[in-house]
Amino acid sequence: GGSPPKIPGGATLLFDVELLDFYPKKKEPWEMSTEEKLETAISGKSVGTEAFKSKEFRKALREYEQSASLVEDVEGDEAKALRIACLANATQCYMNLKE
C-alpha cells in the first residue's frame, strides 16, 4: 500500500480542500410548475442551439433531450411544438455524431 518511498502504507492523510465555485441545485421536474417546465425547456433548447452552432453536438444533444423530456407530460400546443422541435434537433445531433 501507500506510495513508496514518500507515503508509507497505512498512513493517515490530511487534505486541505478549497471550494472555488458551486452551482445551485436545479429544481427537479416534479418540483416545477408547468410554466417553469416550459421556461426551462425553452432555455435549454436555446443552449442546445448555441452548442449545435459551435459543433458541440454531445452538449446540444443533452440539452435537446432534457428539454424534450421536461415538457413530455405538459398539455398544450406550445409544449407539443417545443417537444417536436427538440426531438428533431436531437435527431440532427445524432446524425452529426455518426459522421
C-alpha atoms as a PDB file:
ATOM      1  CA  GLY A   1       0.000   0.000   0.000  1.00  0.00           C
ATOM      2  CA  GLY A   2       0.864   3.650   0.051  1.00  0.00           C
ATOM      3  CA  SER A   3       3.087   5.416  -2.434  1.00  0.00           C
ATOM      4  CA  PRO A   4       6.683   4.458  -1.553  1.00  0.00           C
ATOM      5  CA  PRO A   5       9.037   5.975  -0.730  1.00  0.00           C
ATOM      6  CA  LYS A   6       7.137   9.156   0.230  1.00  0.00           C
ATOM      7  CA  ILE A   7       3.909   7.773   1.754  1.00  0.00           C
ATOM      8  CA  PRO A   8       4.095   4.548   3.743  1.00  0.00           C
ATOM      9  CA  GLY A   9       1.234   2.040   3.636  1.00  0.00           C
ATOM     10  CA  GLY A  10      -1.436   2.640   6.283  1.00  0.00           C
ATOM     11  CA  ALA A  11      -0.520   6.337   6.627  1.00  0.00           C
ATOM     12  CA  THR A  12      -3.264   8.764   7.635  1.00  0.00           C
ATOM     13  CA  LEU A  13      -3.504  11.574   5.106  1.00  0.00           C
ATOM     14  CA  LEU A  14      -4.901  15.053   5.673  1.00  0.00           C
ATOM     15  CA  PHE A  15      -6.109  17.103   2.717  1.00  0.00           C
ATOM     16  CA  ASP A  16      -6.928  20.812   2.557  1.00  0.00           C
ATOM     17  CA  VAL A  17      -9.712  21.401   0.040  1.00  0.00           C
ATOM     18  CA  GLU A  18     -10.692  24.820  -1.265  1.00  0.00           C
ATOM     19  CA  LEU A  19     -14.150  25.300  -2.800  1.00  0.00           C
ATOM     20  CA  LEU A  20     -13.660  27.511  -5.837  1.00  0.00           C
ATOM     21  CA  ASP A  21     -17.231  27.671  -7.071  1.00  0.00           C
ATOM     22  CA  PHE A  22     -20.589  25.967  -6.828  1.00  0.00           C
ATOM     23  CA  TYR A  23     -23.814  25.870  -8.750  1.00  0.00           C
ATOM     24  CA  PRO A  24     -27.171  25.961  -7.018  1.00  0.00           C
ATOM     25  CA  LYS A  25     -29.102  22.714  -7.364  1.00  0.00           C
ATOM     26  CA  LYS A  26     -31.553  22.810 -10.216  1.00  0.00           C
ATOM     27  CA  LYS A  27     -35.165  22.024  -9.423  1.00  0.00           C
ATOM     28  CA  GLU A  28     -36.299  18.520 -10.238  1.00  0.00           C
ATOM     29  CA  PRO A  29     -39.065  18.327 -12.864  1.00  0.00           C
ATOM     30  CA  TRP A  30     -41.600  17.184 -10.267  1.00  0.00           C
ATOM     31  CA  GLU A  31     -40.823  20.352  -8.255  1.00  0.00           C
ATOM     32  CA  MET A  32     -41.597  22.656 -11.209  1.00  0.00           C
ATOM     33  CA  SER A  33     -44.852  24.263 -12.224  1.00  0.00           C
ATOM     34  CA  THR A  34     -45.995  23.881 -15.826  1.00  0.00           C
ATOM     35  CA  GLU A  35     -44.766  27.413 -16.543  1.00  0.00           C
ATOM     36  CA  GLU A  36     -41.342  26.649 -15.045  1.00  0.00           C
ATOM     37  CA  LYS A  37     -41.077  23.497 -17.150  1.00  0.00           C
ATOM     38  CA  LEU A  38     -41.826  25.464 -20.317  1.00  0.00           C
ATOM     39  CA  GLU A  39     -39.392  28.259 -19.428  1.00  0.00           C
ATOM     40  CA  THR A  40     -36.642  25.782 -18.532  1.00  0.00           C
ATOM     41  CA  ALA A  41     -37.206  23.764 -21.714  1.00  0.00           C
ATOM     42  CA  ILE A  42     -37.155  26.895 -23.898  1.00  0.00           C
ATOM     43  CA  SER A  43     -33.925  27.990 -22.239  1.00  0.00           C
ATOM     44  CA  GLY A  44     -32.418  24.510 -22.655  1.00  0.00           C
ATOM     45  CA  LYS A  45     -33.349  24.473 -26.324  1.00  0.00           C
ATOM     46  CA  SER A  46     -31.564  27.813 -26.778  1.00  0.00           C
ATOM     47  CA  VAL A  47     -28.453  26.480 -25.031  1.00  0.00           C
ATOM     48  CA  GLY A  48     -28.640  23.417 -27.276  1.00  0.00           C
ATOM     49  CA  THR A  49     -28.882  25.567 -30.372  1.00  0.00           C
ATOM     50  CA  GLU A  50     -25.808  27.592 -29.382  1.00  0.00           C
ATOM     51  CA  ALA A  51     -23.899  24.365 -28.701  1.00  0.00           C
ATOM     52  CA  PHE A  52     -25.032  22.976 -32.069  1.00  0.00           C
ATOM     53  CA  LYS A  53     -23.791  26.095 -33.874  1.00  0.00           C
ATOM     54  CA  SER A  54     -20.429  25.607 -32.134  1.00  0.00           C
ATOM     55  CA  LYS A  55     -20.397  21.978 -33.291  1.00  0.00           C
ATOM     56  CA  GLU A  56     -20.644  20.756 -29.675  1.00  0.00           C
ATOM     57  CA  PHE A  57     -23.098  18.062 -30.705  1.00  0.00           C
ATOM     58  CA  ARG A  58     -22.994  15.995 -27.491  1.00  0.00           C
ATOM     59  CA  LYS A  59     -23.791  19.041 -25.364  1.00  0.00           C
ATOM     60  CA  ALA A  60     -26.522  20.109 -27.779  1.00  0.00           C
ATOM     61  CA  LEU A  61     -27.987  16.609 -27.751  1.00  0.00           C
ATOM     62  CA  ARG A  62     -28.092  16.557 -23.942  1.00  0.00           C
ATOM     63  CA  GLU A  63     -29.875  19.938 -23.838  1.00  0.00           C
ATOM     64  CA  TYR A  64     -32.406  18.989 -26.515  1.00  0.00           C
ATOM     65  CA  GLU A  65     -33.219  15.637 -24.910  1.00  0.00           C
ATOM     66  CA  GLN A  66     -33.577  17.142 -21.431  1.00  0.00           C
ATOM     67  CA  SER A  67     -35.828  19.887 -22.779  1.00  0.00           C
ATOM     68  CA  ALA A  68     -37.999  17.417 -24.690  1.00  0.00           C
ATOM     69  CA  SER A  69     -38.301  15.215 -21.619  1.00  0.00           C
ATOM     70  CA  LEU A  70     -39.235  18.160 -19.430  1.00  0.00           C
ATOM     71  CA  VAL A  71     -42.348  19.008 -21.469  1.00  0.00           C
ATOM     72  CA  GLU A  72     -43.322  15.426 -22.294  1.00  0.00           C
ATOM     73  CA  ASP A  73     -46.363  15.491 -19.993  1.00  0.00           C
ATOM     74  CA  VAL A  74     -47.229  19.182 -20.406  1.00  0.00           C
ATOM     75  CA  GLU A  75     -50.513  19.846 -22.196  1.00  0.00           C
ATOM     76  CA  GLY A  76     -50.890  22.437 -24.930  1.00  0.00           C
ATOM     77  CA  ASP A  77     -49.702  23.380 -28.381  1.00  0.00           C
ATOM     78  CA  GLU A  78     -46.638  25.324 -27.190  1.00  0.00           C
ATOM     79  CA  ALA A  79     -45.278  22.352 -25.242  1.00  0.00           C
ATOM     80  CA  LYS A  80     -46.039  19.972 -28.112  1.00  0.00           C
ATOM     81  CA  ALA A  81     -44.290  22.191 -30.682  1.00  0.00           C
ATOM     82  CA  LEU A  82     -41.311  22.654 -28.360  1.00  0.00           C
ATOM     83  CA  ARG A  83     -41.008  18.907 -27.790  1.00  0.00           C
ATOM     84  CA  ILE A  84     -41.174  18.167 -31.525  1.00  0.00           C
ATOM     85  CA  ALA A  85     -38.528  20.822 -32.283  1.00  0.00           C
ATOM     86  CA  CYS A  86     -36.211  19.480 -29.575  1.00  0.00           C
ATOM     87  CA  LEU A  87     -36.574  15.900 -30.796  1.00  0.00           C
ATOM     88  CA  ALA A  88     -35.940  16.964 -34.409  1.00  0.00           C
ATOM     89  CA  ASN A  89     -32.838  18.863 -33.306  1.00  0.00           C
ATOM     90  CA  ALA A  90     -31.673  15.873 -31.249  1.00  0.00           C
ATOM     91  CA  THR A  91     -32.009  13.719 -34.369  1.00  0.00           C
ATOM     92  CA  GLN A  92     -29.782  16.158 -36.250  1.00  0.00           C
ATOM     93  CA  CYS A  93     -27.220  15.896 -33.430  1.00  0.00           C
ATOM     94  CA  TYR A  94     -27.235  12.096 -33.704  1.00  0.00           C
ATOM     95  CA  MET A  95     -26.671  12.380 -37.452  1.00  0.00           C
ATOM     96  CA  ASN A  96     -23.702  14.721 -36.933  1.00  0.00           C
ATOM     97  CA  LEU A  97     -22.215  12.497 -34.224  1.00  0.00           C
ATOM     98  CA  LYS A  98     -22.464   9.468 -36.538  1.00  0.00           C
ATOM     99  CA  GLU A  99     -20.255  11.144 -39.165  1.00  0.00           C
END
